[in-house]
Amino acid sequence: MSTENEGTAVPPAPSAPPVPVDAPAPSAPATPEGSDHRTAPLPPVPPSAPGAPEQHPVHAGHAPVYASAGSGGAQQGSGGSAPDSSWPPPPPATPSYSDGGSGHNSGWGSSYQPQPSPKPKSGRGGLVAAILVAALVAGGLGGGLGYTLAKNNDDNTGSTTVSASTSGGAVKRDAGTVAGVAARALPSTVTIEAESNSGQGGTGTGFVFDTQGHIVTNNHVVADALDGGKLTATFPNGKKYNAEVVGHAQGYDVAVIKLKNPPSDLKPLTLGDSDRVAVGDSTIAIGAPFGLSNTVTTGIISAKNRPVASSDGTGSNASYMSALQTDASINPGNSGGPLLDAQGNVIGINSAIQSTGSGGLGGSSQSGSIGLGFAIPINQAKYVAQQLIKTGKPVYAKIGASVSLEDSTNGAKITESGAGGSSSVESGGPAAKAGLKPGDVIVKLDDRVIDSGPTLIGEIWTHKPGDTVTITYERGGKSHTVQLTLGSRTGDS
């Protein structure tokens, strides 16, 4: 807001101090007009291994909302009772994309009204004027004495007086500070705008993956532009580039886009090691919350291996992750942006947020951050991105068995039958070779406690096809442990 007087003349100073008159009451300033951002509620997250926060569990039936600022309504999906863990159907309810509405601020302040000069008066008025003149003279004398004393003190070597002409100067920030990390990372982040042929779309974030112009983001950020829509990426310096989708993985919620005619000075962000991240580590999130590009927020890793099931709002397929949880402020529009460690290495892709069910500001329908944000671990996202750049299609690890997606804290139960009445245990698949049968309840994968079907799927997808894992399951009240080599499936269909 400007603090200058605009278009209002300032009255000249009187030749002699005016006689006091009754001051008119000042006019009240106009009330500033606030803005109203609508927010959307998010269902809760499923509890993970022991130590999960006391919230309503979210498994097959509930999904945290994506942290993207999109528009368009959501459709309701339904979760089958016997989905295949290599590609389960979506949770019964999926959140919708939401628009972040905003208002505007109006100027405020009262105008200056010059007062008429008072007419000269005799008697008491003249005496007051004389006293004021004397006071001005005394004030000038005092100011001169003060300056002289300050100057004398300045000449002493022990003086604490600092001259205004020598204060200030260049501000240097260490590379390890938040400001230093942000200064290096911001030029390699972009704000993505995706628009469908029907005009629907939203805003998300992405970051430079290589010097060829590949940008990594979330699948749900670019979903609107998949069928011939429009896709652009804008850098913090204001340069905007058209882009195209190279590949997308709905199950992983990862996508890679490529800039058309990319600049030659692209600087990819350094990728960290999400397996070495510890609870309490500092985090820095960069994104465009509610369309406010190049926003930087900070926090810590508040939990690891958090099972999260979410959807892109189309009601078709769900995404599953074993997420990094952070309290860095993440809001709609942060989706696809980098989650950095204190050194500026990418440790995750910001993807979803947990929100209260009571709505946001003013009781509107879209909620913002409550300190529960979720990011795809970068080790998983890196593998997926490389596959998408190489072949355009994702590759998923699988155990070859269908598990229930119903709410549960007892484990992932292999269903009695698979989708469409098929066998729930794939013939000749990894689960069959390991001796698993319908009705078995998987309670651990390696050292991870499995409390539901979505938790199992999220953990499986943190591995690569061909990895050997240890499965602990229960059958007839007895616990069994087997080694299992994960199979693979290519594509989302």
Protein backbone atom coordinates (compact mmCIF):
# COMPACT_ATOMS: atom_id res chain seq x y z
CA MET A 1 0.00 0.00 0.00
CA SER A 2 1.34 3.45 -0.88
CA THR A 3 1.97 5.79 2.04
CA GLU A 4 2.34 8.88 -0.10
CA ASN A 5 -0.30 11.64 -0.43
CA GLU A 6 -1.69 11.30 -3.92
CA GLY A 7 -3.45 14.27 -5.55
CA THR A 8 -3.85 16.29 -2.33
CA ALA A 9 -2.23 19.69 -1.93
CA VAL A 10 -0.31 20.32 1.29
CA PRO A 11 -1.01 23.77 2.86
CA PRO A 12 1.90 26.19 3.23
CA ALA A 13 3.35 26.78 6.68
CA PRO A 14 2.13 30.06 8.31
CA SER A 15 4.62 32.91 8.77
CA ALA A 16 3.83 32.91 12.48
CA PRO A 17 2.53 30.12 14.67
CA PRO A 18 -1.27 30.01 14.46
CA VAL A 19 -3.54 30.57 17.37
CA PRO A 20 -4.98 27.23 18.58
CA VAL A 21 -8.44 26.56 17.34
CA ASP A 22 -10.81 23.72 17.96
CA ALA A 23 -9.54 20.81 15.85
CA PRO A 24 -12.19 19.13 13.71
CA ALA A 25 -12.78 15.43 14.35
CA PRO A 26 -10.71 13.34 11.94
CA SER A 27 -12.60 11.38 9.37
CA ALA A 28 -12.63 7.62 9.95
CA PRO A 29 -10.56 5.55 7.51
CA ALA A 30 -12.39 3.20 5.24
CA THR A 31 -12.34 -0.42 6.32
CA PRO A 32 -10.00 -2.56 4.17
CA GLU A 33 -11.75 -5.22 2.19
CA GLY A 34 -10.45 -8.72 2.93
CA SER A 35 -10.13 -11.73 0.67
CA ASP A 36 -11.94 -14.98 0.90
CA HIS A 37 -10.16 -18.20 -0.13
CA ARG A 38 -12.38 -21.18 -0.38
CA THR A 39 -10.95 -24.43 0.82
CA ALA A 40 -11.90 -28.12 0.47
CA PRO A 41 -12.12 -30.82 3.17
CA LEU A 42 -9.93 -33.88 3.03
CA PRO A 43 -10.65 -37.29 4.40
CA PRO A 44 -8.24 -38.62 7.03
CA VAL A 45 -5.18 -40.79 6.40
CA PRO A 46 -5.06 -44.47 7.33
CA PRO A 47 -3.06 -45.33 10.42
CA SER A 48 0.33 -46.80 9.70
CA ALA A 49 2.45 -49.02 11.90
CA PRO A 50 2.22 -48.48 15.67
CA GLY A 51 2.54 -44.86 16.61
CA ALA A 52 0.07 -43.44 14.09
CA PRO A 53 -1.78 -40.28 15.21
CA GLU A 54 -5.25 -40.70 16.62
CA GLN A 55 -7.31 -39.82 13.58
CA HIS A 56 -10.04 -41.60 11.73
CA PRO A 57 -8.25 -44.26 9.69
CA VAL A 58 -8.19 -43.87 5.95
CA HIS A 59 -7.75 -46.99 3.90
CA ALA A 60 -9.78 -48.11 0.94
CA GLY A 61 -12.77 -45.99 1.78
CA HIS A 62 -11.12 -42.62 2.32
CA ALA A 63 -8.43 -40.66 0.57
CA PRO A 64 -6.50 -37.50 1.36
CA VAL A 65 -6.97 -34.80 -1.21
CA TYR A 66 -4.28 -34.00 -3.72
CA ALA A 67 -2.46 -30.78 -2.96
CA SER A 68 -3.26 -29.22 -6.32
CA ALA A 69 -5.33 -26.15 -7.07
CA GLY A 70 -7.66 -27.55 -9.69
CA SER A 71 -11.23 -27.14 -10.71
CA GLY A 72 -13.93 -29.50 -11.72
CA GLY A 73 -16.19 -31.85 -9.82
CA ALA A 74 -15.27 -35.23 -8.44
CA GLN A 75 -16.98 -38.49 -9.20
CA GLN A 76 -17.53 -41.15 -6.65
CA GLY A 77 -15.58 -44.37 -7.13
CA SER A 78 -16.34 -47.67 -5.48
CA GLY A 79 -13.85 -50.10 -4.01
CA GLY A 80 -14.42 -53.76 -4.82
CA SER A 81 -14.21 -56.34 -2.12
CA ALA A 82 -11.60 -58.36 -3.98
CA PRO A 83 -9.14 -56.08 -5.80
CA ASP A 84 -5.77 -57.23 -7.15
CA SER A 85 -2.91 -55.74 -5.15
CA SER A 86 -1.00 -55.19 -8.39
CA TRP A 87 -3.75 -52.83 -9.52
CA PRO A 88 -6.53 -52.37 -6.95
CA PRO A 89 -9.69 -50.43 -7.73
CA PRO A 90 -10.11 -46.98 -6.19
CA PRO A 91 -11.30 -46.17 -2.70
CA PRO A 92 -15.10 -45.83 -2.42
CA ALA A 93 -14.87 -42.08 -2.04
CA THR A 94 -12.55 -39.72 -3.85
CA PRO A 95 -12.03 -36.03 -3.15
CA SER A 96 -12.71 -33.45 -5.76
CA TYR A 97 -10.47 -30.83 -7.21
CA SER A 98 -11.34 -27.45 -5.83
CA ASP A 99 -11.05 -23.89 -6.92
CA GLY A 100 -9.31 -21.49 -4.63
CA GLY A 101 -11.37 -18.32 -4.85
CA SER A 102 -9.90 -15.02 -3.92
CA GLY A 103 -11.11 -11.54 -3.37
CA HIS A 104 -9.30 -8.19 -3.57
CA ASN A 105 -8.11 -5.51 -1.24
CA SER A 106 -9.32 -1.96 -1.61
CA GLY A 107 -7.30 1.10 -0.74
CA TRP A 108 -8.06 2.86 2.51
CA GLY A 109 -7.22 6.06 4.35
CA SER A 110 -8.74 9.47 4.87
CA SER A 111 -7.80 12.45 2.69
CA TYR A 112 -6.02 15.49 4.12
CA GLN A 113 -8.15 18.64 4.34
CA PRO A 114 -6.20 21.92 4.76
CA GLN A 115 -7.52 24.14 7.53
CA PRO A 116 -8.05 27.90 6.99
CA SER A 117 -5.49 30.15 8.65
CA PRO A 118 -6.92 31.76 11.80
CA LYS A 119 -7.42 35.50 11.91
CA PRO A 120 -4.96 37.44 14.09
CA LYS A 121 -6.23 38.11 17.56
CA SER A 122 -5.03 40.47 20.19
CA GLY A 123 -4.34 39.86 23.84
CA ARG A 124 -3.97 36.25 24.89
CA GLY A 125 -3.55 35.00 21.30
CA GLY A 126 -0.47 37.18 20.78
CA LEU A 127 1.06 35.98 24.04
CA VAL A 128 0.59 32.34 22.99
CA ALA A 129 2.25 33.06 19.63
CA ALA A 130 5.23 34.67 21.39
CA ILE A 131 5.61 31.68 23.70
CA LEU A 132 5.54 29.29 20.71
CA VAL A 133 8.23 31.30 18.90
CA ALA A 134 10.38 31.13 22.00
CA ALA A 135 9.86 27.42 22.21
CA LEU A 136 10.95 27.01 18.59
CA VAL A 137 14.12 28.96 19.26
CA ALA A 138 14.83 26.87 22.32
CA GLY A 139 14.19 23.72 20.32
CA GLY A 140 16.68 24.79 17.70
CA LEU A 141 19.27 25.53 20.38
CA GLY A 142 18.71 22.15 22.01
CA GLY A 143 19.08 20.40 18.66
CA GLY A 144 22.36 22.15 18.03
CA LEU A 145 23.72 21.18 21.44
CA GLY A 146 22.65 17.59 20.89
CA TYR A 147 24.44 17.43 17.53
CA THR A 148 27.61 18.90 19.03
CA LEU A 149 27.65 16.37 21.88
CA ALA A 150 27.02 13.47 19.50
CA LYS A 151 29.81 14.63 17.18
CA ASN A 152 32.25 14.91 20.07
CA ASN A 153 31.37 11.42 21.24
CA ASP A 154 31.82 10.11 17.69
CA ASP A 155 35.41 11.26 17.74
CA ASN A 156 36.17 9.07 20.79
CA THR A 157 37.48 5.57 20.08
CA GLY A 158 35.06 4.03 22.59
CA SER A 159 31.95 5.59 21.03
CA THR A 160 28.92 3.41 20.37
CA THR A 161 27.35 5.97 18.03
CA VAL A 162 27.03 4.71 14.45
CA SER A 163 26.81 7.14 11.59
CA ALA A 164 23.84 6.52 9.29
CA SER A 165 26.11 6.82 6.25
CA THR A 166 28.23 3.83 7.36
CA SER A 167 25.46 1.44 8.54
CA GLY A 168 23.81 -1.32 6.52
CA GLY A 169 25.59 -2.75 3.50
CA ALA A 170 25.35 -6.03 1.63
CA VAL A 171 23.60 -8.93 3.37
CA LYS A 172 25.39 -12.27 3.06
CA ARG A 173 23.53 -15.49 3.72
CA ASP A 174 25.19 -18.83 4.22
CA ALA A 175 24.46 -21.53 1.67
CA GLY A 176 23.01 -23.75 4.40
CA THR A 177 20.32 -21.31 5.48
CA VAL A 178 16.73 -21.59 4.26
CA ALA A 179 17.25 -18.41 2.23
CA GLY A 180 20.39 -19.88 0.68
CA VAL A 181 18.68 -23.18 -0.21
CA ALA A 182 15.65 -21.36 -1.64
CA ALA A 183 17.85 -19.09 -3.76
CA ARG A 184 19.48 -22.12 -5.38
CA ALA A 185 16.33 -24.23 -5.77
CA LEU A 186 13.74 -21.70 -6.94
CA PRO A 187 15.23 -21.18 -10.43
CA SER A 188 14.78 -24.92 -11.04
CA THR A 189 11.10 -25.09 -10.08
CA VAL A 190 8.14 -24.33 -12.33
CA THR A 191 4.47 -23.55 -11.94
CA ILE A 192 2.44 -25.90 -14.15
CA GLU A 193 -0.91 -25.00 -15.65
CA ALA A 194 -2.93 -27.84 -17.19
CA GLU A 195 -6.14 -27.24 -19.13
CA SER A 196 -8.43 -29.73 -20.80
CA ASN A 197 -10.26 -29.24 -24.08
CA SER A 198 -13.38 -28.34 -22.12
CA GLY A 199 -11.58 -25.55 -20.24
CA GLN A 200 -11.22 -27.36 -16.93
CA GLY A 201 -7.82 -27.36 -15.31
CA GLY A 202 -5.68 -26.43 -12.39
CA THR A 203 -2.30 -25.31 -11.15
CA GLY A 204 0.52 -27.40 -9.73
CA THR A 205 4.28 -27.44 -9.44
CA GLY A 206 7.22 -29.35 -10.89
CA PHE A 207 11.01 -29.32 -10.82
CA VAL A 208 13.81 -29.71 -13.37
CA PHE A 209 14.93 -33.35 -13.60
CA ASP A 210 17.62 -33.10 -16.29
CA THR A 211 19.21 -30.70 -18.78
CA GLN A 212 17.08 -32.05 -21.66
CA GLY A 213 14.00 -30.26 -20.34
CA HIS A 214 12.26 -33.06 -18.42
CA ILE A 215 10.15 -31.86 -15.49
CA VAL A 216 8.91 -34.21 -12.74
CA THR A 217 5.50 -33.60 -11.17
CA ASN A 218 2.37 -35.46 -10.01
CA ASN A 219 0.12 -37.39 -12.37
CA HIS A 220 -2.95 -35.59 -11.06
CA VAL A 221 -1.36 -32.20 -11.86
CA VAL A 222 -1.27 -32.97 -15.59
CA ALA A 223 -4.34 -35.24 -15.77
CA ASP A 224 -6.53 -32.55 -17.37
CA ALA A 225 -4.10 -32.10 -20.26
CA LEU A 226 -3.66 -35.80 -21.15
CA ASP A 227 -6.20 -35.90 -23.98
CA GLY A 228 -5.08 -33.06 -26.19
CA GLY A 229 -5.28 -30.33 -23.57
CA LYS A 230 -2.90 -27.43 -23.00
CA LEU A 231 0.13 -27.63 -20.73
CA THR A 232 2.53 -24.82 -19.77
CA ALA A 233 5.40 -24.41 -17.32
CA THR A 234 6.47 -21.03 -15.96
CA PHE A 235 9.81 -20.36 -14.26
CA PRO A 236 10.25 -17.82 -11.44
CA ASN A 237 11.86 -15.39 -13.90
CA GLY A 238 8.53 -15.23 -15.75
CA LYS A 239 9.55 -17.26 -18.80
CA LYS A 240 6.77 -19.61 -19.89
CA TYR A 241 7.16 -22.72 -22.03
CA ASN A 242 4.68 -25.01 -23.68
CA ALA A 243 5.12 -28.62 -22.59
CA GLU A 244 3.93 -32.14 -23.38
CA VAL A 245 3.43 -35.23 -21.24
CA VAL A 246 6.19 -37.81 -21.78
CA GLY A 247 4.65 -40.42 -19.49
CA HIS A 248 2.44 -40.72 -16.44
CA ALA A 249 1.85 -43.33 -13.73
CA GLN A 250 -1.51 -43.04 -12.07
CA GLY A 251 -0.79 -45.69 -9.44
CA TYR A 252 2.40 -43.98 -8.33
CA ASP A 253 0.93 -40.49 -8.98
CA VAL A 254 4.10 -39.48 -10.84
CA ALA A 255 4.35 -37.83 -14.26
CA VAL A 256 7.12 -36.46 -16.46
CA ILE A 257 6.59 -33.60 -18.87
CA LYS A 258 9.06 -32.08 -21.33
CA LEU A 259 9.47 -28.44 -22.23
CA LYS A 260 9.17 -27.57 -25.89
CA ASN A 261 12.29 -25.63 -26.96
CA PRO A 262 13.81 -25.75 -23.45
CA PRO A 263 16.46 -23.20 -22.43
CA SER A 264 20.10 -24.27 -22.55
CA ASP A 265 20.89 -23.25 -18.97
CA LEU A 266 18.61 -25.66 -17.09
CA LYS A 267 19.97 -26.74 -13.71
CA PRO A 268 18.46 -30.00 -12.40
CA LEU A 269 17.86 -30.19 -8.66
CA THR A 270 20.09 -32.60 -6.76
CA LEU A 271 18.26 -35.75 -5.67
CA GLY A 272 18.77 -36.96 -2.11
CA ASP A 273 18.27 -40.39 -0.52
CA SER A 274 14.81 -40.71 1.02
CA ASP A 275 15.76 -43.99 2.70
CA ARG A 276 18.20 -42.09 4.93
CA VAL A 277 15.69 -39.43 5.98
CA ALA A 278 14.98 -39.38 9.72
CA VAL A 279 12.04 -38.09 11.71
CA GLY A 280 12.96 -34.59 12.86
CA ASP A 281 15.01 -33.69 9.78
CA SER A 282 14.38 -30.18 8.48
CA THR A 283 12.30 -29.81 5.32
CA ILE A 284 11.72 -27.04 2.78
CA ALA A 285 8.72 -27.17 0.43
CA ILE A 286 8.43 -25.13 -2.76
CA GLY A 287 5.23 -24.71 -4.73
CA ALA A 288 2.32 -22.55 -5.84
CA PRO A 289 -0.29 -22.82 -3.07
CA PHE A 290 -3.62 -21.42 -4.30
CA GLY A 291 -1.76 -20.18 -7.37
CA LEU A 292 0.82 -18.16 -5.39
CA SER A 293 3.88 -19.24 -7.34
CA ASN A 294 7.37 -19.61 -5.89
CA THR A 295 6.22 -19.97 -2.29
CA VAL A 296 8.70 -21.44 0.21
CA THR A 297 7.64 -23.05 3.50
CA THR A 298 9.60 -24.94 6.12
CA GLY A 299 9.07 -27.70 8.66
CA ILE A 300 10.37 -31.12 9.63
CA ILE A 301 9.83 -34.76 8.75
CA SER A 302 7.10 -35.66 11.23
CA ALA A 303 6.72 -39.34 10.24
CA LYS A 304 7.89 -41.88 7.67
CA ASN A 305 6.26 -44.78 5.81
CA ARG A 306 2.81 -43.26 6.20
CA PRO A 307 0.29 -45.26 4.11
CA VAL A 308 -1.72 -42.88 1.93
CA ALA A 309 -4.36 -43.78 -0.64
CA SER A 310 -5.61 -40.97 -2.82
CA SER A 311 -7.24 -40.37 -6.19
CA ASP A 312 -7.16 -37.85 -8.99
CA GLY A 313 -10.88 -37.17 -8.68
CA THR A 314 -11.92 -39.09 -11.81
CA GLY A 315 -13.15 -42.12 -9.89
CA SER A 316 -11.12 -44.47 -12.09
CA ASN A 317 -8.01 -45.64 -10.24
CA ALA A 318 -6.37 -44.91 -6.93
CA SER A 319 -2.81 -43.94 -6.07
CA TYR A 320 -0.96 -45.53 -3.19
CA MET A 321 2.18 -44.38 -1.44
CA SER A 322 4.25 -45.06 1.63
CA ALA A 323 4.74 -41.37 2.21
CA LEU A 324 7.04 -39.00 4.00
CA GLN A 325 4.93 -36.89 6.35
CA THR A 326 5.89 -33.26 6.92
CA ASP A 327 4.47 -30.31 8.81
CA ALA A 328 5.81 -27.83 6.24
CA SER A 329 2.80 -25.90 5.00
CA ILE A 330 1.43 -27.62 1.87
CA ASN A 331 -1.76 -26.44 0.20
CA PRO A 332 -3.63 -26.92 -3.09
CA GLY A 333 -1.13 -25.92 -5.79
CA ASN A 334 1.90 -27.41 -4.01
CA SER A 335 1.34 -30.75 -5.74
CA GLY A 336 4.34 -31.95 -7.73
CA GLY A 337 6.73 -29.53 -6.06
CA PRO A 338 9.98 -30.62 -4.41
CA LEU A 339 10.35 -31.38 -0.73
CA LEU A 340 13.96 -30.52 0.10
CA ASP A 341 16.25 -31.34 3.00
CA ALA A 342 18.36 -28.72 4.77
CA GLN A 343 21.09 -29.04 2.14
CA GLY A 344 18.69 -28.47 -0.76
CA ASN A 345 18.49 -32.09 -1.95
CA VAL A 346 15.11 -33.34 -3.17
CA ILE A 347 13.83 -36.01 -0.78
CA GLY A 348 10.21 -36.16 -1.95
CA ILE A 349 7.43 -34.89 -4.21
CA ASN A 350 4.67 -33.04 -2.36
CA SER A 351 1.44 -34.81 -3.29
CA ALA A 352 -1.37 -34.81 -0.72
CA ILE A 353 -2.59 -33.15 2.45
CA GLN A 354 -4.76 -34.22 5.34
CA SER A 355 -7.37 -31.70 6.34
CA THR A 356 -10.16 -31.32 8.86
CA GLY A 357 -13.67 -32.17 7.78
CA SER A 358 -15.13 -28.89 9.01
CA GLY A 359 -14.02 -26.88 6.00
CA GLY A 360 -11.68 -23.96 5.81
CA LEU A 361 -11.91 -20.23 6.33
CA GLY A 362 -15.42 -18.99 6.75
CA GLY A 363 -16.85 -22.50 6.67
CA SER A 364 -16.23 -22.84 2.94
CA SER A 365 -15.67 -26.17 1.24
CA GLN A 366 -11.91 -26.25 0.58
CA SER A 367 -9.43 -26.65 3.41
CA GLY A 368 -5.78 -25.78 3.62
CA SER A 369 -2.78 -27.00 5.55
CA ILE A 370 -3.15 -28.23 9.11
CA GLY A 371 0.44 -29.43 9.27
CA LEU A 372 -0.12 -32.88 7.74
CA GLY A 373 1.41 -33.04 4.28
CA PHE A 374 2.54 -36.14 2.40
CA ALA A 375 5.31 -36.56 -0.15
CA ILE A 376 6.27 -39.45 -2.43
CA PRO A 377 9.80 -40.58 -1.41
CA ILE A 378 12.27 -39.47 -4.08
CA ASN A 379 13.92 -42.90 -4.35
CA GLN A 380 10.61 -44.28 -5.63
CA ALA A 381 9.82 -41.24 -7.78
CA LYS A 382 13.27 -41.29 -9.38
CA TYR A 383 12.84 -44.92 -10.50
CA VAL A 384 9.37 -44.18 -11.88
CA ALA A 385 10.53 -41.03 -13.70
CA GLN A 386 13.41 -42.88 -15.34
CA GLN A 387 11.03 -45.59 -16.58
CA LEU A 388 8.64 -42.98 -17.96
CA ILE A 389 11.41 -41.16 -19.81
CA LYS A 390 12.75 -44.45 -21.19
CA THR A 391 9.53 -46.18 -22.27
CA GLY A 392 6.65 -43.78 -21.55
CA LYS A 393 5.02 -46.40 -19.31
CA PRO A 394 5.29 -47.19 -15.60
CA VAL A 395 6.43 -50.55 -14.22
CA TYR A 396 4.85 -51.80 -10.98
CA ALA A 397 6.05 -54.45 -8.56
CA LYS A 398 3.43 -57.01 -7.55
CA ILE A 399 2.89 -60.13 -5.42
CA GLY A 400 0.23 -61.60 -7.68
CA ALA A 401 -2.62 -61.73 -5.18
CA SER A 402 -5.83 -59.77 -4.60
CA VAL A 403 -6.29 -58.25 -1.15
CA SER A 404 -9.23 -56.61 0.57
CA LEU A 405 -9.32 -52.83 0.70
CA GLU A 406 -11.79 -52.65 3.56
CA ASP A 407 -10.89 -50.78 6.73
CA SER A 408 -8.83 -53.04 8.93
CA THR A 409 -6.07 -52.96 11.52
CA ASN A 410 -5.42 -56.69 11.45
CA GLY A 411 -3.55 -56.91 8.15
CA ALA A 412 -4.12 -57.37 4.41
CA LYS A 413 -6.41 -60.32 3.78
CA ILE A 414 -6.14 -62.24 0.51
CA THR A 415 -9.68 -62.38 -0.84
CA GLU A 416 -11.54 -65.56 -1.71
CA SER A 417 -11.88 -64.50 -5.35
CA GLY A 418 -10.35 -61.89 -7.60
CA ALA A 419 -11.83 -59.24 -9.87
CA GLY A 420 -14.55 -60.59 -12.13
CA GLY A 421 -14.63 -63.92 -10.32
CA SER A 422 -11.05 -64.83 -11.25
CA SER A 423 -8.66 -66.53 -8.85
CA SER A 424 -7.41 -64.23 -6.11
CA VAL A 425 -3.94 -65.82 -6.26
CA GLU A 426 -2.37 -65.58 -9.71
CA SER A 427 -1.38 -68.99 -11.02
CA GLY A 428 2.41 -69.27 -11.17
CA GLY A 429 2.78 -65.79 -9.67
CA PRO A 430 5.01 -64.75 -6.75
CA ALA A 431 2.33 -65.36 -4.07
CA ALA A 432 1.46 -68.79 -5.46
CA LYS A 433 5.13 -69.80 -5.58
CA ALA A 434 5.51 -68.69 -1.94
CA GLY A 435 2.54 -70.87 -0.90
CA LEU A 436 0.07 -68.09 -0.10
CA LYS A 437 -3.64 -68.95 -0.34
CA PRO A 438 -7.00 -67.16 -0.23
CA GLY A 439 -7.90 -66.24 3.35
CA ASP A 440 -4.28 -65.70 4.43
CA VAL A 441 -3.73 -62.41 6.25
CA ILE A 442 -0.43 -60.63 5.53
CA VAL A 443 0.72 -58.78 8.66
CA LYS A 444 4.31 -57.80 7.79
CA LEU A 445 6.44 -57.06 4.76
CA ASP A 446 10.08 -57.16 5.84
CA ASP A 447 10.03 -55.09 9.03
CA ARG A 448 6.95 -53.01 8.09
CA VAL A 449 3.73 -53.78 9.95
CA ILE A 450 0.85 -54.21 7.49
CA ASP A 451 -2.54 -53.13 8.82
CA SER A 452 -4.60 -53.05 5.60
CA GLY A 453 -4.63 -53.75 1.89
CA PRO A 454 -3.68 -50.18 0.87
CA THR A 455 -0.75 -50.27 3.31
CA LEU A 456 0.51 -53.48 1.69
CA ILE A 457 0.22 -52.02 -1.81
CA GLY A 458 2.05 -48.83 -0.83
CA GLU A 459 4.89 -50.87 0.66
CA ILE A 460 5.13 -53.19 -2.36
CA TRP A 461 5.40 -50.20 -4.68
CA THR A 462 8.40 -48.84 -2.79
CA HIS A 463 10.28 -51.86 -4.22
CA LYS A 464 11.33 -52.76 -7.73
CA PRO A 465 10.33 -55.89 -9.63
CA GLY A 466 12.77 -58.67 -8.84
CA ASP A 467 13.34 -57.56 -5.23
CA THR A 468 13.07 -60.33 -2.64
CA VAL A 469 10.96 -59.52 0.40
CA THR A 470 9.97 -61.36 3.57
CA ILE A 471 6.24 -61.90 4.00
CA THR A 472 4.74 -62.72 7.41
CA TYR A 473 1.17 -64.00 7.27
CA GLU A 474 -1.38 -65.68 9.50
CA ARG A 475 -3.38 -68.78 8.63
CA GLY A 476 -5.63 -70.66 11.03
CA GLY A 477 -4.38 -68.66 14.00
CA LYS A 478 -0.72 -69.50 13.31
CA SER A 479 2.03 -67.20 12.00
CA HIS A 480 4.16 -68.13 8.98
CA THR A 481 7.10 -66.43 7.25
CA VAL A 482 8.12 -66.89 3.60
CA GLN A 483 10.48 -65.30 1.09
CA LEU A 484 8.85 -63.85 -2.00
CA THR A 485 10.35 -62.42 -5.21
CA LEU A 486 8.25 -59.57 -6.56
CA GLY A 487 6.88 -59.79 -10.09
CA SER A 488 6.17 -56.91 -12.45
CA ARG A 489 3.35 -55.33 -14.43
CA THR A 490 3.74 -52.65 -17.10
CA GLY A 491 1.26 -49.83 -17.61
CA ASP A 492 -1.76 -48.53 -15.72
CA SER A 493 -4.42 -50.63 -17.47
